[in-house]
């Protein structure tokens, strides 16, 4: 991403699970963040709330944030329904009046709001709606199956479980191992952090797989690996469609299952999360009708675990599934990349 000075809006919801965008930008671009705006935790620092990273300031008001010299105002929370809360509107107006670029991942496009657009035009500020997608996306036709790069899709046992983080860590690990690797974002946070992609949950249903196919085709040239950011969950009643579209559109050679061991029931619907071997079988069956794609490893979301506990869970998961398992944030994703390579060498890639 470009060098920016970012003030992140996370009013009333700053935390690891409640403000995914804020959390991930702080994890992967901390040097560009000047402050987080959240009156609930103001006066503290981001490391105290998140449990990682540098001690970035948390401010209570937009005025305090502006005093730190930002040029970008990022909406770091995705409210349910994807609309701009009325209580936040005055802050967006003030940011535009100050000439900041306002970056939003909301479903409601701020650039289409007449008042906000008029202010931006008058002040020379910019509004960037990350969820805008092209109008000419194709219907998928399995073209992604023909790329030379190894395509790896992250899939999850629930929504909001760390598929983007796992994808970023996998790409970073592959690069450390000497491979050319692309992170292919499919959500607003990943797109903000960089990479060739688009926000697939904004795509009309018939074209979700086509969007995934397009993302792979755009990223594959010159790469050894393309790590496609997963979305949703196959058993989520609201978001299963986007997951299946990504599986069929990206035509992965392998999948990495992302799981939070301490999460026993799904976040929104209180459905018990089934055993990991069942998740492995489900994903392989859904992918295999079009192209066999083994689940070769488990990325552990251990944000609430100590290093010792994360290692214990990894050993337990390996015993249960027979797959490599690691918390990629704590220990790096190299074991998962090695598992992908081993599957290829064993002839798992068709």
Protein backbone atom coordinates (compact mmCIF):
# COMPACT_ATOMS: atom_id res chain seq x y z
CA UNK A 1 0.00 0.00 0.00
CA UNK A 2 1.09 3.58 -0.50
CA UNK A 3 2.81 5.49 2.29
CA UNK A 4 -0.02 7.09 4.26
CA UNK A 5 -0.68 8.59 7.65
CA UNK A 6 -3.82 6.81 8.77
CA UNK A 7 -6.33 7.75 11.45
CA UNK A 8 -8.55 4.70 12.01
CA UNK A 9 -12.19 5.07 13.07
CA UNK A 10 -13.24 2.24 15.39
CA UNK A 11 -15.66 4.13 17.61
CA UNK A 12 -17.12 1.96 20.34
CA UNK A 13 -15.90 -1.31 18.82
CA UNK A 14 -12.13 -1.40 18.89
CA UNK A 15 -10.98 -4.96 19.50
CA UNK A 16 -9.54 -8.03 17.80
CA UNK A 17 -12.88 -9.45 16.63
CA UNK A 18 -15.05 -6.35 16.50
CA UNK A 19 -12.78 -4.22 14.31
CA UNK A 20 -11.13 -6.58 11.83
CA UNK A 21 -10.00 -3.86 9.46
CA UNK A 22 -8.45 -1.77 12.22
CA UNK A 23 -6.76 -4.81 13.74
CA UNK A 24 -5.24 -6.05 10.49
CA UNK A 25 -3.98 -2.63 9.39
CA UNK A 26 -2.32 -2.21 12.79
CA UNK A 27 -0.77 -5.68 12.46
CA UNK A 28 0.54 -5.28 8.91
CA UNK A 29 1.03 -1.52 8.45
CA UNK A 30 1.66 -0.13 11.96
CA UNK A 31 4.14 2.48 10.79
CA UNK A 32 1.39 4.18 8.80
CA UNK A 33 -1.12 4.47 11.65
CA UNK A 34 -1.05 7.73 13.62
CA UNK A 35 -3.93 6.88 15.97
CA UNK A 36 -7.17 4.98 16.51
CA UNK A 37 -10.37 6.88 17.26
CA UNK A 38 -12.41 5.09 19.94
CA UNK A 39 -13.82 6.97 22.90
CA UNK A 40 -14.43 3.73 24.79
CA UNK A 41 -10.73 2.83 25.07
CA UNK A 42 -9.27 6.33 24.62
CA UNK A 43 -6.27 7.20 26.71
CA UNK A 44 -4.79 3.75 26.30
CA UNK A 45 -2.72 2.29 23.50
CA UNK A 46 -3.51 -0.23 20.81
CA UNK A 47 -1.22 -2.93 22.20
CA UNK A 48 -3.15 -2.85 25.48
CA UNK A 49 -6.39 -3.60 23.63
CA UNK A 50 -5.14 -5.99 20.95
CA UNK A 51 -2.33 -7.71 22.80
CA UNK A 52 0.24 -7.19 20.06
CA UNK A 53 2.08 -4.56 18.08
CA UNK A 54 3.43 -1.14 18.94
CA UNK A 55 1.86 1.23 21.46
CA UNK A 56 -0.15 3.40 19.08
CA UNK A 57 -2.34 6.07 20.69
CA UNK A 58 -6.10 5.77 21.02
CA UNK A 59 -7.92 9.11 20.96
CA UNK A 60 -11.41 10.10 22.01
CA UNK A 61 -12.27 12.72 19.39
CA UNK A 62 -11.63 13.48 15.76
CA UNK A 63 -9.96 16.73 16.77
CA UNK A 64 -7.36 14.82 18.79
CA UNK A 65 -6.77 12.54 15.84
CA UNK A 66 -6.40 15.41 13.36
CA UNK A 67 -3.78 16.95 15.61
CA UNK A 68 -1.56 13.97 14.80
CA UNK A 69 -1.37 14.90 11.13
CA UNK A 70 -3.21 12.14 9.25
CA UNK A 71 -3.92 12.29 5.54
CA UNK A 72 -6.24 9.26 5.50
CA UNK A 73 -9.36 8.55 7.56
CA UNK A 74 -10.05 4.81 7.46
CA UNK A 75 -13.34 3.35 8.66
CA UNK A 76 -11.93 0.40 10.56
CA UNK A 77 -15.17 -1.32 11.55
CA UNK A 78 -17.80 -3.00 9.39
CA UNK A 79 -21.14 -2.45 11.16
CA UNK A 80 -23.76 -5.15 10.64
CA UNK A 81 -25.66 -4.26 7.48
CA UNK A 82 -22.73 -2.28 6.11
CA UNK A 83 -24.25 1.18 6.52
CA UNK A 84 -22.65 4.30 7.93
CA UNK A 85 -23.95 4.80 11.49
CA UNK A 86 -25.54 8.21 11.81
CA UNK A 87 -23.34 8.95 14.82
CA UNK A 88 -20.26 8.64 12.60
CA UNK A 89 -21.48 10.94 9.85
CA UNK A 90 -20.29 14.13 11.51
CA UNK A 91 -16.80 12.66 11.84
CA UNK A 92 -16.69 11.72 8.16
CA UNK A 93 -17.87 15.24 7.26
CA UNK A 94 -15.18 16.81 9.43
CA UNK A 95 -12.49 14.55 7.96
CA UNK A 96 -13.48 15.59 4.43
CA UNK A 97 -13.58 19.23 5.48
CA UNK A 98 -10.01 18.78 6.71
CA UNK A 99 -9.01 17.43 3.30
CA UNK A 100 -8.39 13.84 4.35
CA UNK A 101 -8.95 10.90 2.05
CA UNK A 102 -11.84 8.92 3.50
CA UNK A 103 -11.49 5.17 2.87
CA UNK A 104 -14.54 3.01 3.48
CA UNK A 105 -15.27 -0.68 3.21
CA UNK A 106 -18.97 -0.20 3.93
CA UNK A 107 -21.63 -1.64 1.65
CA UNK A 108 -23.12 1.84 1.43
CA UNK A 109 -20.91 3.84 -0.92
CA UNK A 110 -19.94 7.14 0.67
CA UNK A 111 -18.98 8.52 -2.71
CA UNK A 112 -22.62 8.26 -3.79
CA UNK A 113 -23.82 10.33 -0.85
CA UNK A 114 -24.65 13.80 -2.29
CA UNK A 115 -23.58 15.74 0.80
CA UNK A 116 -20.30 13.89 1.25
CA UNK A 117 -19.50 14.00 -2.47
CA UNK A 118 -20.12 17.73 -2.55
CA UNK A 119 -17.80 18.34 0.40
CA UNK A 120 -15.08 16.24 -1.21
CA UNK A 121 -15.42 18.13 -4.47
CA UNK A 122 -15.17 21.49 -2.67
CA UNK A 123 -12.21 20.61 -0.47
CA UNK A 124 -10.32 18.42 -2.92
CA UNK A 125 -10.62 15.45 -0.58
CA UNK A 126 -11.02 11.96 -1.94
CA UNK A 127 -13.55 9.26 -1.07
CA UNK A 128 -12.45 5.69 -1.74
CA UNK A 129 -15.14 3.00 -1.53
CA UNK A 130 -13.22 -0.26 -1.37
CA UNK A 131 -16.29 -2.35 -2.15
CA UNK A 132 -16.84 -0.94 -5.64
CA UNK A 133 -16.44 -3.74 -8.16
CA UNK A 134 -16.29 -3.82 -11.98
CA UNK A 135 -19.50 -4.10 -13.96
CA UNK A 136 -18.05 -6.53 -16.50
CA UNK A 137 -17.13 -9.55 -14.40
CA UNK A 138 -17.47 -12.88 -16.23
CA UNK A 139 -19.31 -16.07 -15.38
CA UNK A 140 -16.62 -18.54 -14.29
CA UNK A 141 -15.46 -21.11 -16.82
CA UNK A 142 -12.68 -22.93 -14.91
CA UNK A 143 -9.93 -20.85 -16.55
CA UNK A 144 -8.14 -20.58 -13.21
CA UNK A 145 -7.46 -24.32 -13.37
CA UNK A 146 -4.94 -23.70 -16.13
CA UNK A 147 -2.55 -21.26 -14.45
CA UNK A 148 1.04 -22.33 -13.80
CA UNK A 149 1.14 -20.94 -10.27
CA UNK A 150 0.06 -23.10 -7.36
CA UNK A 151 -3.24 -21.64 -6.17
CA UNK A 152 -4.00 -21.97 -2.46
CA UNK A 153 -7.32 -20.92 -0.94
CA UNK A 154 -7.87 -20.32 2.76
CA UNK A 155 -11.18 -21.66 4.08
CA UNK A 156 -12.61 -21.45 7.57
CA UNK A 157 -14.65 -23.18 10.23
CA UNK A 158 -16.50 -19.90 10.76
CA UNK A 159 -16.66 -16.30 9.60
CA UNK A 160 -14.24 -13.78 11.09
CA UNK A 161 -11.78 -16.51 11.97
CA UNK A 162 -8.59 -15.19 10.35
CA UNK A 163 -8.59 -16.25 6.70
CA UNK A 164 -7.10 -12.96 5.52
CA UNK A 165 -4.40 -13.03 8.17
CA UNK A 166 -3.53 -16.62 7.29
CA UNK A 167 -3.32 -15.73 3.58
CA UNK A 168 -0.99 -12.80 4.24
CA UNK A 169 1.20 -14.93 6.49
CA UNK A 170 1.33 -17.74 3.92
CA UNK A 171 2.47 -15.35 1.19
CA UNK A 172 5.10 -13.86 3.50
CA UNK A 173 6.38 -17.30 4.49
CA UNK A 174 6.61 -18.43 0.87
CA UNK A 175 8.65 -15.33 0.02
CA UNK A 176 10.98 -15.99 2.96
CA UNK A 177 11.48 -19.49 1.51
CA UNK A 178 12.55 -17.99 -1.81
CA UNK A 179 9.35 -18.30 -3.82
CA UNK A 180 7.47 -15.65 -5.78
CA UNK A 181 4.14 -15.40 -3.99
CA UNK A 182 1.11 -13.15 -4.39
CA UNK A 183 -1.53 -12.37 -1.80
CA UNK A 184 -4.86 -12.12 -3.62
CA UNK A 185 -7.32 -10.10 -1.52
CA UNK A 186 -11.05 -10.71 -1.71
CA UNK A 187 -12.17 -8.41 1.12
CA UNK A 188 -11.95 -4.72 1.92
CA UNK A 189 -9.15 -5.01 4.49
CA UNK A 190 -6.89 -7.06 2.25
CA UNK A 191 -7.56 -4.70 -0.64
CA UNK A 192 -6.58 -1.72 1.52
CA UNK A 193 -3.34 -3.46 2.50
CA UNK A 194 -2.43 -4.07 -1.14
CA UNK A 195 -2.54 -6.69 -3.85
CA UNK A 196 -4.63 -7.35 -6.94
CA UNK A 197 -8.17 -8.23 -5.98
CA UNK A 198 -11.68 -7.04 -5.30
CA UNK A 199 -14.32 -7.33 -2.61
CA UNK A 200 -16.30 -10.39 -3.63
CA UNK A 201 -19.16 -9.99 -1.16
CA UNK A 202 -20.26 -7.00 -3.25
CA UNK A 203 -20.45 -9.08 -6.42
CA UNK A 204 -23.81 -10.23 -7.83
CA UNK A 205 -24.23 -13.93 -7.03
CA UNK A 206 -23.91 -15.20 -10.61
CA UNK A 207 -20.47 -13.62 -10.91
CA UNK A 208 -18.82 -14.49 -7.56
CA UNK A 209 -16.96 -17.44 -9.04
CA UNK A 210 -16.09 -15.32 -12.07
CA UNK A 211 -14.65 -12.67 -9.77
CA UNK A 212 -12.51 -15.30 -8.05
CA UNK A 213 -11.37 -16.59 -11.42
CA UNK A 214 -10.44 -13.06 -12.50
CA UNK A 215 -8.44 -12.49 -9.31
CA UNK A 216 -6.41 -15.66 -9.86
CA UNK A 217 -5.76 -14.88 -13.53
CA UNK A 218 -4.61 -11.35 -12.61
CA UNK A 219 -2.24 -12.57 -9.90
CA UNK A 220 -0.79 -15.76 -11.37
CA UNK A 221 1.67 -14.50 -14.03
CA UNK A 222 5.23 -14.70 -12.75
CA UNK A 223 4.25 -16.26 -9.41
CA UNK A 224 5.03 -19.62 -7.88
CA UNK A 225 2.09 -19.29 -5.49
CA UNK A 226 -1.16 -17.34 -5.39
CA UNK A 227 -2.71 -17.28 -1.93
CA UNK A 228 -6.38 -16.40 -2.28
CA UNK A 229 -8.06 -14.86 0.76
CA UNK A 230 -11.11 -16.88 1.76
CA UNK A 231 -14.46 -15.48 2.85
CA UNK A 232 -17.42 -16.75 4.85
CA UNK A 233 -17.87 -20.40 5.75
CA UNK A 234 -19.50 -23.31 3.94
CA UNK A 235 -21.94 -23.93 6.79
CA UNK A 236 -22.80 -20.32 7.60
CA UNK A 237 -26.47 -19.72 6.71
CA UNK A 238 -25.75 -16.20 5.47
CA UNK A 239 -22.30 -16.39 3.88
CA UNK A 240 -21.88 -19.91 2.51
CA UNK A 241 -22.51 -18.75 -1.05
CA UNK A 242 -19.40 -16.59 -1.24
CA UNK A 243 -17.28 -19.45 0.12
CA UNK A 244 -18.47 -21.89 -2.53
CA UNK A 245 -18.05 -19.26 -5.24
CA UNK A 246 -14.44 -18.77 -4.23
CA UNK A 247 -13.78 -22.52 -4.21
CA UNK A 248 -15.22 -23.07 -7.66
CA UNK A 249 -13.91 -19.85 -9.17
CA UNK A 250 -10.34 -19.94 -7.89
CA UNK A 251 -9.89 -23.64 -8.74
CA UNK A 252 -7.35 -24.13 -5.95
CA UNK A 253 -4.63 -26.75 -6.01
CA UNK A 254 -4.73 -26.90 -2.21
CA UNK A 255 -6.64 -25.42 0.71
CA UNK A 256 -5.60 -24.30 4.18
CA UNK A 257 -8.28 -24.62 6.85
CA UNK A 258 -8.37 -21.73 9.33
CA UNK A 259 -9.68 -22.48 12.81
CA UNK A 260 -9.91 -20.80 16.21
CA UNK A 261 -9.61 -23.69 18.70
CA UNK A 262 -11.32 -21.86 21.55
CA UNK A 263 -14.38 -21.04 19.45
CA UNK A 264 -16.78 -23.91 20.03
CA UNK A 265 -19.86 -22.34 18.45
CA UNK A 266 -20.25 -20.00 15.50
CA UNK A 267 -20.20 -16.32 16.31
CA UNK A 268 -23.59 -15.23 15.02
CA UNK A 269 -25.83 -18.27 14.97
CA UNK A 270 -24.64 -20.27 17.95
CA UNK A 271 -24.25 -23.45 15.92
CA UNK A 272 -21.76 -25.96 17.27
CA UNK A 273 -18.59 -26.11 15.16
CA UNK A 274 -18.21 -29.66 13.91
CA UNK A 275 -14.99 -31.72 14.25
CA UNK A 276 -12.08 -30.71 12.01
CA UNK A 277 -11.93 -34.00 10.06
CA UNK A 278 -15.51 -33.33 8.96
CA UNK A 279 -14.52 -29.84 7.79
CA UNK A 280 -11.64 -31.30 5.80
CA UNK A 281 -13.91 -33.85 4.12
CA UNK A 282 -16.58 -31.23 3.38
CA UNK A 283 -14.20 -28.84 1.64
CA UNK A 284 -12.46 -31.55 -0.34
CA UNK A 285 -15.79 -32.93 -1.49
CA UNK A 286 -17.12 -29.52 -2.57
CA UNK A 287 -13.93 -28.70 -4.48
CA UNK A 288 -13.40 -32.16 -5.89
CA UNK A 289 -16.41 -32.23 -8.18
CA UNK A 290 -14.63 -29.70 -10.41
CA UNK A 291 -10.97 -30.10 -9.42
CA UNK A 292 -9.45 -32.14 -6.58
CA UNK A 293 -7.93 -29.84 -3.97
CA UNK A 294 -6.73 -31.36 -0.70
CA UNK A 295 -6.83 -29.55 2.60
CA UNK A 296 -3.15 -29.82 3.47
CA UNK A 297 -2.89 -27.91 6.74
CA UNK A 298 -4.62 -25.99 9.51
CA UNK A 299 -3.83 -22.36 10.33
CA UNK A 300 -4.63 -21.75 13.98
CA UNK A 301 -6.11 -18.44 15.07
CA UNK A 302 -4.52 -18.27 18.49
CA UNK A 303 -4.96 -14.60 19.30
CA UNK A 304 -6.31 -15.62 22.73
CA UNK A 305 -3.71 -18.35 23.34
CA UNK A 306 -0.23 -18.29 24.84
CA UNK A 307 2.59 -19.67 22.72
CA UNK A 308 2.59 -22.83 24.81
CA UNK A 309 -1.16 -23.32 24.42
CA UNK A 310 -0.93 -22.65 20.68
CA UNK A 311 1.72 -25.36 20.32
CA UNK A 312 -0.39 -27.77 22.34
CA UNK A 313 -3.41 -27.10 20.14
CA UNK A 314 -1.28 -27.59 17.02
CA UNK A 315 -0.16 -31.01 18.26
CA UNK A 316 -3.74 -31.93 19.12
CA UNK A 317 -5.03 -30.86 15.71
CA UNK A 318 -2.27 -32.74 13.90
CA UNK A 319 -3.15 -35.86 15.89
CA UNK A 320 -6.83 -35.42 15.06
CA UNK A 321 -6.46 -34.66 11.35
CA UNK A 322 -3.04 -35.91 10.31
CA UNK A 323 -2.35 -32.43 8.91
CA UNK A 324 0.31 -29.84 9.63
CA UNK A 325 -1.01 -27.25 12.07
CA UNK A 326 0.51 -23.98 13.28
CA UNK A 327 -0.39 -20.52 14.50
CA UNK A 328 1.14 -18.58 11.57
CA UNK A 329 1.18 -15.25 13.39
CA UNK A 330 3.10 -16.58 16.39
CA UNK A 331 5.38 -19.04 14.62
CA UNK A 332 5.27 -18.33 10.87
CA UNK A 333 3.44 -20.21 8.13
CA UNK A 334 6.46 -22.10 6.79
CA UNK A 335 5.13 -25.50 7.98
CA UNK A 336 1.98 -24.90 5.95
CA UNK A 337 3.93 -23.94 2.83
CA UNK A 338 6.02 -27.08 3.29
CA UNK A 339 2.80 -29.11 3.51
CA UNK A 340 1.63 -27.61 0.21
CA UNK A 341 4.93 -28.52 -1.43
CA UNK A 342 4.80 -32.07 -0.04
CA UNK A 343 1.29 -32.53 -1.40
CA UNK A 344 2.46 -31.36 -4.83
CA UNK A 345 5.45 -33.68 -4.79
CA UNK A 346 3.20 -36.56 -3.77
CA UNK A 347 1.09 -35.98 -6.86
CA UNK A 348 -1.87 -34.30 -5.19
CA UNK A 349 -1.92 -31.56 -7.81
CA UNK A 350 -3.72 -32.84 -10.90
